[in-house]
Amino acid sequence: MRGDKLASVTTRPLLAGTFVALALAHAHANTKDVAPVPASIAAPAGEKIVLRAHASGAQIYICGPGADGKPQWTLKAPQADLHDRKGAVIGRHYAGPAWKLTDGSEVTGKAVARADSPDPQSIPWLLLTATGHSGEGVLADVTSVQRIHTRGGQPPPAAGCDASKLNSEAKSSYTADYYFYAAAK
């Protein structure tokens, strides 16, 4: 009996250490879910990530008169598929800007902050605030959206937009990660 007690006493610290290691690994995994971003586009305090989606598609630009009257490329809309971590299409991103998932939920947003992408050939990173919702599902309670890890998407060269090309469209391929946040409960 004393041997059983001794075994029990020596295994307790081992089990406790295992639980602590598992708790730290879980905390680290959750920390990895939040990507490091510039403070200017950090999600508001009290919000948590409810969905991460990878987008692949295009930024659509239209050639039109700029503020100075000269032709220039202006963003018309994004057009992208949203993918889960395994690569399956779970929704789409389009003009609004809006994101709609296959579960029927949708959120529209408005950009409130931006930061230059670390890749100068890529569109900026953004923080957007939700301006509308529809449907039931994951996006129904979203309050903020981040666009980060952008690749590509910049407008075509200015030389491609002149008086002879007014109202023409051009697509610029891009990828990005979108983090959707909701109030922590």
N, C-alpha and C. Protein backbone atom coordinates (compact mmCIF):
# COMPACT_ATOMS: atom_id res chain seq x y z
N MET A 1 0.82 -1.19 0.00
CA MET A 1 0.00 0.00 0.00
C MET A 1 0.86 1.25 0.00
N ARG A 2 1.95 1.20 0.76
CA ARG A 2 2.83 2.35 0.80
C ARG A 2 3.41 2.63 -0.58
N GLY A 3 3.71 1.60 -1.38
CA GLY A 3 4.22 1.77 -2.74
C GLY A 3 3.20 2.46 -3.62
N ASP A 4 1.92 2.12 -3.45
CA ASP A 4 0.87 2.77 -4.22
C ASP A 4 0.78 4.25 -3.87
N LYS A 5 0.91 4.55 -2.58
CA LYS A 5 0.85 5.94 -2.14
C LYS A 5 2.03 6.71 -2.69
N LEU A 6 3.21 6.09 -2.67
CA LEU A 6 4.42 6.74 -3.18
C LEU A 6 4.28 6.99 -4.68
N ALA A 7 3.76 6.03 -5.41
CA ALA A 7 3.55 6.20 -6.85
C ALA A 7 2.56 7.33 -7.10
N SER A 8 1.53 7.40 -6.28
CA SER A 8 0.52 8.45 -6.44
C SER A 8 1.13 9.82 -6.18
N VAL A 9 1.96 9.94 -5.17
CA VAL A 9 2.58 11.22 -4.83
C VAL A 9 3.56 11.65 -5.92
N THR A 10 4.30 10.72 -6.50
CA THR A 10 5.28 11.09 -7.52
C THR A 10 4.63 11.36 -8.87
N THR A 11 3.46 10.80 -9.13
CA THR A 11 2.80 11.06 -10.41
C THR A 11 2.03 12.37 -10.40
N ARG A 12 1.60 12.82 -9.25
CA ARG A 12 0.84 14.07 -9.20
C ARG A 12 1.62 15.24 -9.79
N PRO A 13 2.87 15.46 -9.37
CA PRO A 13 3.61 16.58 -9.98
C PRO A 13 3.78 16.40 -11.48
N LEU A 14 3.97 15.17 -11.91
CA LEU A 14 4.11 14.90 -13.33
C LEU A 14 2.82 15.24 -14.07
N LEU A 15 1.68 14.83 -13.53
CA LEU A 15 0.39 15.16 -14.15
C LEU A 15 0.14 16.66 -14.11
N ALA A 16 0.44 17.29 -12.98
CA ALA A 16 0.25 18.75 -12.88
C ALA A 16 1.11 19.46 -13.91
N GLY A 17 2.35 19.01 -14.05
CA GLY A 17 3.24 19.61 -15.06
C GLY A 17 2.71 19.43 -16.46
N THR A 18 2.13 18.27 -16.73
CA THR A 18 1.55 18.01 -18.05
C THR A 18 0.38 18.95 -18.31
N PHE A 19 -0.49 19.13 -17.30
CA PHE A 19 -1.63 20.03 -17.47
C PHE A 19 -1.18 21.47 -17.68
N VAL A 20 -0.15 21.88 -16.96
CA VAL A 20 0.37 23.24 -17.14
C VAL A 20 0.93 23.40 -18.55
N ALA A 21 1.68 22.41 -19.01
CA ALA A 21 2.25 22.47 -20.37
C ALA A 21 1.13 22.53 -21.41
N LEU A 22 0.08 21.72 -21.21
CA LEU A 22 -1.05 21.76 -22.15
C LEU A 22 -1.75 23.11 -22.12
N ALA A 23 -1.92 23.68 -20.95
CA ALA A 23 -2.57 24.99 -20.84
C ALA A 23 -1.72 26.06 -21.53
N LEU A 24 -0.41 26.00 -21.34
CA LEU A 24 0.47 26.98 -22.01
C LEU A 24 0.44 26.79 -23.52
N ALA A 25 0.43 25.56 -23.98
CA ALA A 25 0.35 25.30 -25.43
C ALA A 25 -0.95 25.84 -25.99
N HIS A 26 -2.06 25.65 -25.24
CA HIS A 26 -3.36 26.16 -25.69
C HIS A 26 -3.34 27.69 -25.75
N ALA A 27 -2.79 28.31 -24.71
CA ALA A 27 -2.70 29.78 -24.69
C ALA A 27 -1.84 30.27 -25.84
N HIS A 28 -0.74 29.58 -26.11
CA HIS A 28 0.13 29.98 -27.22
C HIS A 28 -0.59 29.84 -28.55
N ALA A 29 -1.37 28.76 -28.70
CA ALA A 29 -2.12 28.56 -29.94
C ALA A 29 -3.11 29.69 -30.14
N ASN A 30 -3.78 30.12 -29.07
CA ASN A 30 -4.73 31.22 -29.19
C ASN A 30 -4.03 32.52 -29.51
N THR A 31 -2.83 32.72 -28.96
CA THR A 31 -2.06 33.92 -29.26
C THR A 31 -1.67 33.94 -30.73
N LYS A 32 -1.36 32.76 -31.28
CA LYS A 32 -0.99 32.69 -32.69
C LYS A 32 -2.16 33.03 -33.60
N ASP A 33 -3.40 32.88 -33.09
CA ASP A 33 -4.57 33.21 -33.89
C ASP A 33 -4.65 34.70 -34.20
N VAL A 34 -4.06 35.52 -33.35
CA VAL A 34 -4.09 36.96 -33.54
C VAL A 34 -2.75 37.36 -34.18
N ALA A 35 -2.82 37.80 -35.42
CA ALA A 35 -1.60 38.17 -36.13
C ALA A 35 -1.08 39.52 -35.62
N PRO A 36 0.24 39.67 -35.57
CA PRO A 36 0.77 40.99 -35.19
C PRO A 36 0.46 41.99 -36.30
N VAL A 37 -0.12 43.12 -35.92
CA VAL A 37 -0.49 44.16 -36.88
C VAL A 37 -0.08 45.51 -36.33
N PRO A 38 0.06 46.51 -37.20
CA PRO A 38 0.33 47.86 -36.71
C PRO A 38 -0.80 48.32 -35.78
N ALA A 39 -0.45 49.10 -34.77
CA ALA A 39 -1.43 49.59 -33.79
C ALA A 39 -2.59 50.31 -34.47
N SER A 40 -2.33 50.97 -35.58
CA SER A 40 -3.38 51.74 -36.25
C SER A 40 -4.54 50.88 -36.75
N ILE A 41 -4.29 49.58 -36.96
CA ILE A 41 -5.38 48.72 -37.45
C ILE A 41 -5.69 47.59 -36.47
N ALA A 42 -5.28 47.74 -35.23
CA ALA A 42 -5.59 46.73 -34.21
C ALA A 42 -7.10 46.70 -33.97
N ALA A 43 -7.61 45.51 -33.71
CA ALA A 43 -9.04 45.37 -33.39
C ALA A 43 -9.31 46.07 -32.06
N PRO A 44 -10.49 46.63 -31.91
CA PRO A 44 -10.84 47.30 -30.65
C PRO A 44 -10.77 46.34 -29.46
N ALA A 45 -10.44 46.88 -28.30
CA ALA A 45 -10.41 46.09 -27.07
C ALA A 45 -11.78 45.48 -26.83
N GLY A 46 -11.79 44.29 -26.29
CA GLY A 46 -13.06 43.63 -25.98
C GLY A 46 -13.63 42.83 -27.13
N GLU A 47 -12.89 42.72 -28.23
CA GLU A 47 -13.35 41.92 -29.37
C GLU A 47 -12.48 40.68 -29.51
N LYS A 48 -13.07 39.61 -30.01
CA LYS A 48 -12.32 38.38 -30.24
C LYS A 48 -12.56 37.90 -31.67
N ILE A 49 -11.63 37.14 -32.17
CA ILE A 49 -11.75 36.59 -33.53
C ILE A 49 -12.81 35.51 -33.54
N VAL A 50 -13.74 35.63 -34.50
CA VAL A 50 -14.75 34.59 -34.68
C VAL A 50 -14.54 33.81 -35.97
N LEU A 51 -13.74 34.37 -36.88
CA LEU A 51 -13.45 33.68 -38.14
C LEU A 51 -12.21 34.27 -38.79
N ARG A 52 -11.38 33.38 -39.32
CA ARG A 52 -10.27 33.79 -40.19
C ARG A 52 -10.53 33.18 -41.55
N ALA A 53 -10.41 33.98 -42.59
CA ALA A 53 -10.63 33.48 -43.95
C ALA A 53 -9.53 34.02 -44.86
N HIS A 54 -9.10 33.19 -45.77
CA HIS A 54 -8.10 33.60 -46.77
C HIS A 54 -8.85 33.92 -48.06
N ALA A 55 -8.60 35.08 -48.61
CA ALA A 55 -9.26 35.50 -49.85
C ALA A 55 -8.31 35.39 -51.02
N SER A 56 -8.84 34.96 -52.15
CA SER A 56 -8.09 34.99 -53.40
C SER A 56 -9.05 35.43 -54.50
N GLY A 57 -8.59 36.40 -55.27
CA GLY A 57 -9.44 36.94 -56.32
C GLY A 57 -8.80 38.14 -56.96
N ALA A 58 -9.58 39.21 -57.13
CA ALA A 58 -9.08 40.40 -57.82
C ALA A 58 -9.67 41.66 -57.21
N GLN A 59 -8.91 42.73 -57.34
CA GLN A 59 -9.39 44.07 -57.08
C GLN A 59 -9.73 44.61 -58.47
N ILE A 60 -10.94 45.11 -58.64
CA ILE A 60 -11.38 45.61 -59.95
C ILE A 60 -11.26 47.13 -59.96
N TYR A 61 -10.56 47.65 -60.94
CA TYR A 61 -10.36 49.09 -61.08
C TYR A 61 -11.05 49.58 -62.35
N ILE A 62 -11.48 50.84 -62.32
CA ILE A 62 -12.10 51.46 -63.48
C ILE A 62 -11.31 52.72 -63.83
N CYS A 63 -11.12 52.94 -65.13
CA CYS A 63 -10.41 54.12 -65.61
C CYS A 63 -11.43 55.26 -65.71
N GLY A 64 -11.17 56.32 -64.98
CA GLY A 64 -12.09 57.46 -64.99
C GLY A 64 -11.37 58.74 -64.62
N PRO A 65 -12.08 59.86 -64.70
CA PRO A 65 -11.43 61.14 -64.38
C PRO A 65 -11.14 61.25 -62.88
N GLY A 66 -9.91 61.67 -62.58
CA GLY A 66 -9.51 61.89 -61.19
C GLY A 66 -9.95 63.28 -60.72
N ALA A 67 -9.59 63.63 -59.51
CA ALA A 67 -9.94 64.94 -58.94
C ALA A 67 -9.39 66.08 -59.78
N ASP A 68 -8.25 65.82 -60.42
CA ASP A 68 -7.64 66.86 -61.25
C ASP A 68 -8.15 66.83 -62.69
N GLY A 69 -9.13 65.93 -62.97
CA GLY A 69 -9.69 65.84 -64.31
C GLY A 69 -8.94 64.90 -65.23
N LYS A 70 -7.75 64.47 -64.82
CA LYS A 70 -6.96 63.55 -65.64
C LYS A 70 -7.39 62.11 -65.36
N PRO A 71 -7.35 61.25 -66.39
CA PRO A 71 -7.75 59.85 -66.19
C PRO A 71 -6.85 59.15 -65.17
N GLN A 72 -7.47 58.33 -64.33
CA GLN A 72 -6.72 57.53 -63.36
C GLN A 72 -7.53 56.30 -62.99
N TRP A 73 -6.84 55.26 -62.47
CA TRP A 73 -7.51 54.05 -62.02
C TRP A 73 -8.09 54.28 -60.63
N THR A 74 -9.35 53.89 -60.45
CA THR A 74 -10.03 53.99 -59.16
C THR A 74 -10.64 52.64 -58.83
N LEU A 75 -10.55 52.24 -57.57
CA LEU A 75 -11.12 50.96 -57.16
C LEU A 75 -12.63 50.96 -57.35
N LYS A 76 -13.10 49.94 -58.04
CA LYS A 76 -14.54 49.76 -58.23
C LYS A 76 -15.07 48.79 -57.19
N ALA A 77 -14.40 47.62 -57.05
CA ALA A 77 -14.88 46.60 -56.13
C ALA A 77 -13.87 45.46 -56.02
N PRO A 78 -13.90 44.76 -54.90
CA PRO A 78 -13.16 43.50 -54.82
C PRO A 78 -14.05 42.37 -55.35
N GLN A 79 -13.43 41.29 -55.74
CA GLN A 79 -14.15 40.09 -56.18
C GLN A 79 -13.27 38.91 -55.81
N ALA A 80 -13.63 38.24 -54.71
CA ALA A 80 -12.76 37.17 -54.22
C ALA A 80 -13.57 36.06 -53.55
N ASP A 81 -12.99 34.87 -53.58
CA ASP A 81 -13.53 33.73 -52.83
C ASP A 81 -12.86 33.73 -51.46
N LEU A 82 -13.62 33.34 -50.44
CA LEU A 82 -13.10 33.19 -49.09
C LEU A 82 -12.89 31.71 -48.82
N HIS A 83 -11.74 31.37 -48.27
CA HIS A 83 -11.38 29.97 -48.02
C HIS A 83 -11.13 29.75 -46.53
N ASP A 84 -11.47 28.54 -46.05
CA ASP A 84 -11.14 28.19 -44.68
C ASP A 84 -9.69 27.70 -44.62
N ARG A 85 -9.26 27.26 -43.45
CA ARG A 85 -7.86 26.82 -43.26
C ARG A 85 -7.49 25.62 -44.13
N LYS A 86 -8.49 24.84 -44.53
CA LYS A 86 -8.22 23.66 -45.35
C LYS A 86 -8.31 23.97 -46.84
N GLY A 87 -8.67 25.22 -47.19
CA GLY A 87 -8.74 25.62 -48.59
C GLY A 87 -10.12 25.54 -49.20
N ALA A 88 -11.11 25.07 -48.46
CA ALA A 88 -12.47 24.98 -48.99
C ALA A 88 -13.09 26.37 -49.08
N VAL A 89 -13.85 26.60 -50.15
CA VAL A 89 -14.53 27.89 -50.31
C VAL A 89 -15.68 27.96 -49.32
N ILE A 90 -15.69 29.03 -48.50
CA ILE A 90 -16.73 29.19 -47.48
C ILE A 90 -17.56 30.45 -47.71
N GLY A 91 -17.22 31.22 -48.75
CA GLY A 91 -17.97 32.44 -49.01
C GLY A 91 -17.31 33.28 -50.07
N ARG A 92 -17.76 34.55 -50.12
CA ARG A 92 -17.17 35.45 -51.11
C ARG A 92 -17.13 36.87 -50.56
N HIS A 93 -16.29 37.67 -51.20
CA HIS A 93 -16.09 39.08 -50.83
C HIS A 93 -16.34 39.90 -52.09
N TYR A 94 -17.12 40.96 -51.95
CA TYR A 94 -17.51 41.75 -53.12
C TYR A 94 -17.80 43.19 -52.72
N ALA A 95 -18.30 43.97 -53.67
CA ALA A 95 -18.56 45.40 -53.47
C ALA A 95 -19.39 45.63 -52.23
N GLY A 96 -19.09 46.70 -51.56
CA GLY A 96 -19.80 47.09 -50.36
C GLY A 96 -18.91 47.91 -49.43
N PRO A 97 -17.76 47.43 -49.00
CA PRO A 97 -17.32 46.03 -49.13
C PRO A 97 -18.21 45.12 -48.28
N ALA A 98 -18.39 43.91 -48.80
CA ALA A 98 -19.24 42.93 -48.12
C ALA A 98 -18.60 41.55 -48.19
N TRP A 99 -18.93 40.75 -47.19
CA TRP A 99 -18.48 39.37 -47.11
C TRP A 99 -19.71 38.53 -46.82
N LYS A 100 -19.91 37.47 -47.61
CA LYS A 100 -21.06 36.59 -47.41
C LYS A 100 -20.57 35.16 -47.35
N LEU A 101 -21.01 34.45 -46.31
CA LEU A 101 -20.61 33.05 -46.14
C LEU A 101 -21.68 32.11 -46.65
N THR A 102 -21.29 30.86 -46.87
CA THR A 102 -22.23 29.85 -47.33
C THR A 102 -23.27 29.53 -46.27
N ASP A 103 -23.06 29.96 -45.01
CA ASP A 103 -24.08 29.75 -43.96
C ASP A 103 -25.20 30.78 -44.06
N GLY A 104 -25.10 31.72 -45.02
CA GLY A 104 -26.13 32.73 -45.24
C GLY A 104 -25.89 34.05 -44.53
N SER A 105 -24.89 34.10 -43.65
CA SER A 105 -24.63 35.36 -42.94
C SER A 105 -23.78 36.28 -43.80
N GLU A 106 -23.99 37.59 -43.60
CA GLU A 106 -23.29 38.60 -44.39
C GLU A 106 -23.01 39.81 -43.51
N VAL A 107 -21.88 40.45 -43.77
CA VAL A 107 -21.54 41.70 -43.09
C VAL A 107 -20.99 42.68 -44.13
N THR A 108 -21.38 43.93 -43.99
CA THR A 108 -20.79 45.00 -44.80
C THR A 108 -19.98 45.87 -43.86
N GLY A 109 -19.01 46.57 -44.43
CA GLY A 109 -18.15 47.37 -43.58
C GLY A 109 -17.69 48.65 -44.23
N LYS A 110 -17.02 49.45 -43.41
CA LYS A 110 -16.46 50.72 -43.85
C LYS A 110 -15.06 50.82 -43.27
N ALA A 111 -14.09 51.15 -44.13
CA ALA A 111 -12.70 51.28 -43.67
C ALA A 111 -12.59 52.45 -42.70
N VAL A 112 -11.93 52.19 -41.56
CA VAL A 112 -11.73 53.24 -40.56
C VAL A 112 -10.25 53.51 -40.30
N ALA A 113 -9.38 52.59 -40.74
CA ALA A 113 -7.93 52.78 -40.57
C ALA A 113 -7.19 51.94 -41.59
N ARG A 114 -5.98 52.37 -41.92
CA ARG A 114 -5.16 51.63 -42.88
C ARG A 114 -3.70 51.71 -42.49
N ALA A 115 -2.95 50.74 -42.98
CA ALA A 115 -1.50 50.70 -42.78
C ALA A 115 -0.90 50.15 -44.05
N ASP A 116 0.23 50.72 -44.45
CA ASP A 116 0.90 50.22 -45.64
C ASP A 116 1.26 48.75 -45.45
N SER A 117 1.11 47.98 -46.50
CA SER A 117 1.53 46.59 -46.48
C SER A 117 3.05 46.54 -46.39
N PRO A 118 3.60 45.56 -45.69
CA PRO A 118 5.06 45.41 -45.68
C PRO A 118 5.62 45.17 -47.09
N ASP A 119 4.76 44.68 -47.98
CA ASP A 119 5.13 44.47 -49.38
C ASP A 119 4.66 45.68 -50.19
N PRO A 120 5.57 46.53 -50.65
CA PRO A 120 5.15 47.75 -51.35
C PRO A 120 4.38 47.50 -52.65
N GLN A 121 4.39 46.28 -53.15
CA GLN A 121 3.65 45.94 -54.36
C GLN A 121 2.22 45.48 -54.06
N SER A 122 1.83 45.59 -52.79
CA SER A 122 0.52 45.08 -52.37
C SER A 122 -0.36 46.18 -51.78
N ILE A 123 -1.67 45.94 -51.86
CA ILE A 123 -2.63 46.90 -51.31
C ILE A 123 -2.47 46.99 -49.79
N PRO A 124 -2.91 48.10 -49.21
CA PRO A 124 -2.73 48.30 -47.77
C PRO A 124 -3.53 47.32 -46.91
N TRP A 125 -3.11 47.22 -45.67
CA TRP A 125 -3.85 46.49 -44.66
C TRP A 125 -4.91 47.44 -44.11
N LEU A 126 -6.07 46.90 -43.73
CA LEU A 126 -7.18 47.74 -43.29
C LEU A 126 -7.82 47.25 -42.00
N LEU A 127 -8.44 48.18 -41.30
CA LEU A 127 -9.39 47.87 -40.24
C LEU A 127 -10.71 48.45 -40.69
N LEU A 128 -11.74 47.64 -40.69
CA LEU A 128 -13.08 48.08 -41.09
C LEU A 128 -14.03 47.88 -39.92
N THR A 129 -15.01 48.72 -39.84
CA THR A 129 -16.05 48.55 -38.83
C THR A 129 -17.33 48.12 -39.54
N ALA A 130 -18.07 47.24 -38.91
CA ALA A 130 -19.30 46.72 -39.52
C ALA A 130 -20.35 47.83 -39.61
N THR A 131 -21.00 47.89 -40.77
CA THR A 131 -22.06 48.89 -40.98
C THR A 131 -23.42 48.23 -41.23
N GLY A 132 -23.43 46.92 -41.44
CA GLY A 132 -24.68 46.22 -41.67
C GLY A 132 -24.51 44.71 -41.64
N HIS A 133 -25.59 44.01 -41.37
CA HIS A 133 -25.59 42.55 -41.30
C HIS A 133 -26.86 42.02 -41.95
N SER A 134 -26.80 40.78 -42.41
CA SER A 134 -28.00 40.07 -42.82
C SER A 134 -27.76 38.58 -42.61
N GLY A 135 -28.84 37.85 -42.46
CA GLY A 135 -28.75 36.41 -42.27
C GLY A 135 -28.32 36.03 -40.87
N GLU A 136 -28.38 34.73 -40.63
CA GLU A 136 -27.95 34.15 -39.36
C GLU A 136 -26.68 33.36 -39.61
N GLY A 137 -25.77 33.38 -38.69
CA GLY A 137 -24.55 32.60 -38.84
C GLY A 137 -23.36 33.33 -38.29
N VAL A 138 -22.18 32.92 -38.69
CA VAL A 138 -20.92 33.40 -38.13
C VAL A 138 -20.76 34.91 -38.23
N LEU A 139 -21.17 35.51 -39.33
CA LEU A 139 -20.94 36.95 -39.53
C LEU A 139 -22.04 37.83 -38.92
N ALA A 140 -23.07 37.24 -38.35
CA ALA A 140 -24.22 38.00 -37.84
C ALA A 140 -23.85 39.00 -36.74
N ASP A 141 -22.82 38.69 -35.95
CA ASP A 141 -22.45 39.56 -34.83
C ASP A 141 -21.10 40.24 -35.03
N VAL A 142 -20.55 40.17 -36.22
CA VAL A 142 -19.23 40.76 -36.47
C VAL A 142 -19.28 42.27 -36.29
N THR A 143 -18.27 42.80 -35.59
CA THR A 143 -18.19 44.24 -35.34
C THR A 143 -17.02 44.88 -36.06
N SER A 144 -15.96 44.11 -36.31
CA SER A 144 -14.77 44.63 -37.00
C SER A 144 -14.20 43.57 -37.92
N VAL A 145 -13.51 44.04 -38.96
CA VAL A 145 -12.84 43.16 -39.91
C VAL A 145 -11.45 43.74 -40.17
N GLN A 146 -10.45 42.87 -40.17
CA GLN A 146 -9.10 43.28 -40.58
C GLN A 146 -8.76 42.62 -41.90
N ARG A 147 -8.10 43.38 -42.78
CA ARG A 147 -7.52 42.82 -44.00
C ARG A 147 -6.03 42.91 -43.81
N ILE A 148 -5.37 41.76 -43.77
CA ILE A 148 -3.92 41.73 -43.55
C ILE A 148 -3.27 40.72 -44.49
N HIS A 149 -1.95 40.68 -44.46
CA HIS A 149 -1.16 39.74 -45.27
C HIS A 149 -1.50 39.84 -46.75
N THR A 150 -1.67 41.05 -47.24
CA THR A 150 -2.04 41.25 -48.63
C THR A 150 -0.88 40.94 -49.57
N ARG A 151 -1.23 40.43 -50.74
CA ARG A 151 -0.28 40.17 -51.83
C ARG A 151 -0.95 40.64 -53.11
N GLY A 152 -0.33 41.60 -53.80
CA GLY A 152 -0.88 42.10 -55.05
C GLY A 152 -2.03 43.05 -54.84
N GLY A 153 -2.85 43.19 -55.90
CA GLY A 153 -4.05 44.01 -55.82
C GLY A 153 -3.89 45.48 -56.15
N GLN A 154 -2.67 45.92 -56.42
CA GLN A 154 -2.46 47.34 -56.74
C GLN A 154 -3.10 47.68 -58.09
N PRO A 155 -3.46 48.95 -58.30
CA PRO A 155 -4.03 49.33 -59.61
C PRO A 155 -3.00 49.14 -60.72
N PRO A 156 -3.49 48.99 -61.94
CA PRO A 156 -2.57 48.86 -63.09
C PRO A 156 -1.73 50.14 -63.22
N PRO A 157 -0.67 50.08 -64.02
CA PRO A 157 0.14 51.28 -64.24
C PRO A 157 -0.71 52.44 -64.78
N ALA A 158 -0.41 53.64 -64.33
CA ALA A 158 -1.17 54.83 -64.72
C ALA A 158 -1.20 55.00 -66.24
N ALA A 159 -0.15 54.58 -66.92
CA ALA A 159 -0.08 54.73 -68.38
C ALA A 159 -1.20 53.95 -69.09
N GLY A 160 -1.77 52.96 -68.42
CA GLY A 160 -2.83 52.16 -69.04
C GLY A 160 -4.20 52.82 -68.97
N CYS A 161 -4.28 53.99 -68.32
CA CYS A 161 -5.56 54.69 -68.19
C CYS A 161 -5.40 56.07 -68.83
N ASP A 162 -5.96 56.21 -70.03
CA ASP A 162 -5.90 57.51 -70.73
C ASP A 162 -7.29 57.80 -71.29
N ALA A 163 -7.43 58.91 -71.97
CA ALA A 163 -8.74 59.34 -72.48
C ALA A 163 -9.39 58.28 -73.36
N SER A 164 -8.58 57.50 -74.08
CA SER A 164 -9.16 56.47 -74.96
C SER A 164 -9.68 55.26 -74.18
N LYS A 165 -9.31 55.14 -72.90
CA LYS A 165 -9.70 53.97 -72.09
C LYS A 165 -10.71 54.31 -71.00
N LEU A 166 -11.27 55.52 -71.03
CA LEU A 166 -12.24 55.89 -70.00
C LEU A 166 -13.35 54.86 -69.88
N ASN A 167 -13.72 54.54 -68.67
CA ASN A 167 -14.76 53.56 -68.32
C ASN A 167 -14.36 52.11 -68.55
N SER A 168 -13.11 51.86 -68.91
CA SER A 168 -12.67 50.47 -69.04
C SER A 168 -12.28 49.95 -67.66
N GLU A 169 -12.37 48.63 -67.50
CA GLU A 169 -12.04 48.00 -66.24
C GLU A 169 -10.78 47.16 -66.37
N ALA A 170 -10.09 47.00 -65.26
CA ALA A 170 -8.92 46.14 -65.19
C ALA A 170 -8.95 45.41 -63.86
N LYS A 171 -8.57 44.14 -63.88
CA LYS A 171 -8.52 43.34 -62.66
C LYS A 171 -7.08 43.13 -62.25
N SER A 172 -6.85 43.26 -60.96
CA SER A 172 -5.53 43.04 -60.39
C SER A 172 -5.63 41.92 -59.35
N SER A 173 -4.98 40.80 -59.62
CA SER A 173 -5.05 39.65 -58.72
C SER A 173 -4.51 40.00 -57.34
N TYR A 174 -5.15 39.43 -56.32
CA TYR A 174 -4.67 39.65 -54.96
C TYR A 174 -5.07 38.49 -54.07
N THR A 175 -4.37 38.39 -52.95
CA THR A 175 -4.76 37.51 -51.85
C THR A 175 -4.64 38.32 -50.57
N ALA A 176 -5.38 37.90 -49.57
CA ALA A 176 -5.34 38.56 -48.26
C ALA A 176 -5.95 37.64 -47.23
N ASP A 177 -5.67 37.93 -45.98
CA ASP A 177 -6.34 37.25 -44.89
C ASP A 177 -7.32 38.24 -44.26
N TYR A 178 -8.51 37.76 -44.00
CA TYR A 178 -9.53 38.58 -43.33
C TYR A 178 -9.80 37.97 -41.96
N TYR A 179 -9.69 38.81 -40.93
CA TYR A 179 -10.00 38.40 -39.57
C TYR A 179 -11.30 39.11 -39.19
N PHE A 180 -12.29 38.33 -38.79
CA PHE A 180 -13.59 38.86 -38.41
C PHE A 180 -13.70 38.81 -36.88
N TYR A 181 -14.05 39.94 -36.28
CA TYR A 181 -14.13 40.06 -34.83
C TYR A 181 -15.56 40.35 -34.39
N ALA A 182 -15.87 39.89 -33.17
CA ALA A 182 -17.16 40.19 -32.52
C ALA A 182 -16.85 40.47 -31.05
N ALA A 183 -17.81 41.09 -30.37
CA ALA A 183 -17.63 41.39 -28.96
C ALA A 183 -17.42 40.10 -28.18
N ALA A 184 -16.41 40.10 -27.30
CA ALA A 184 -16.15 38.93 -26.46
C ALA A 184 -17.30 38.77 -25.47
N LYS A 185 -17.70 37.54 -25.28
CA LYS A 185 -18.83 37.29 -24.36
C LYS A 185 -18.35 36.65 -23.10
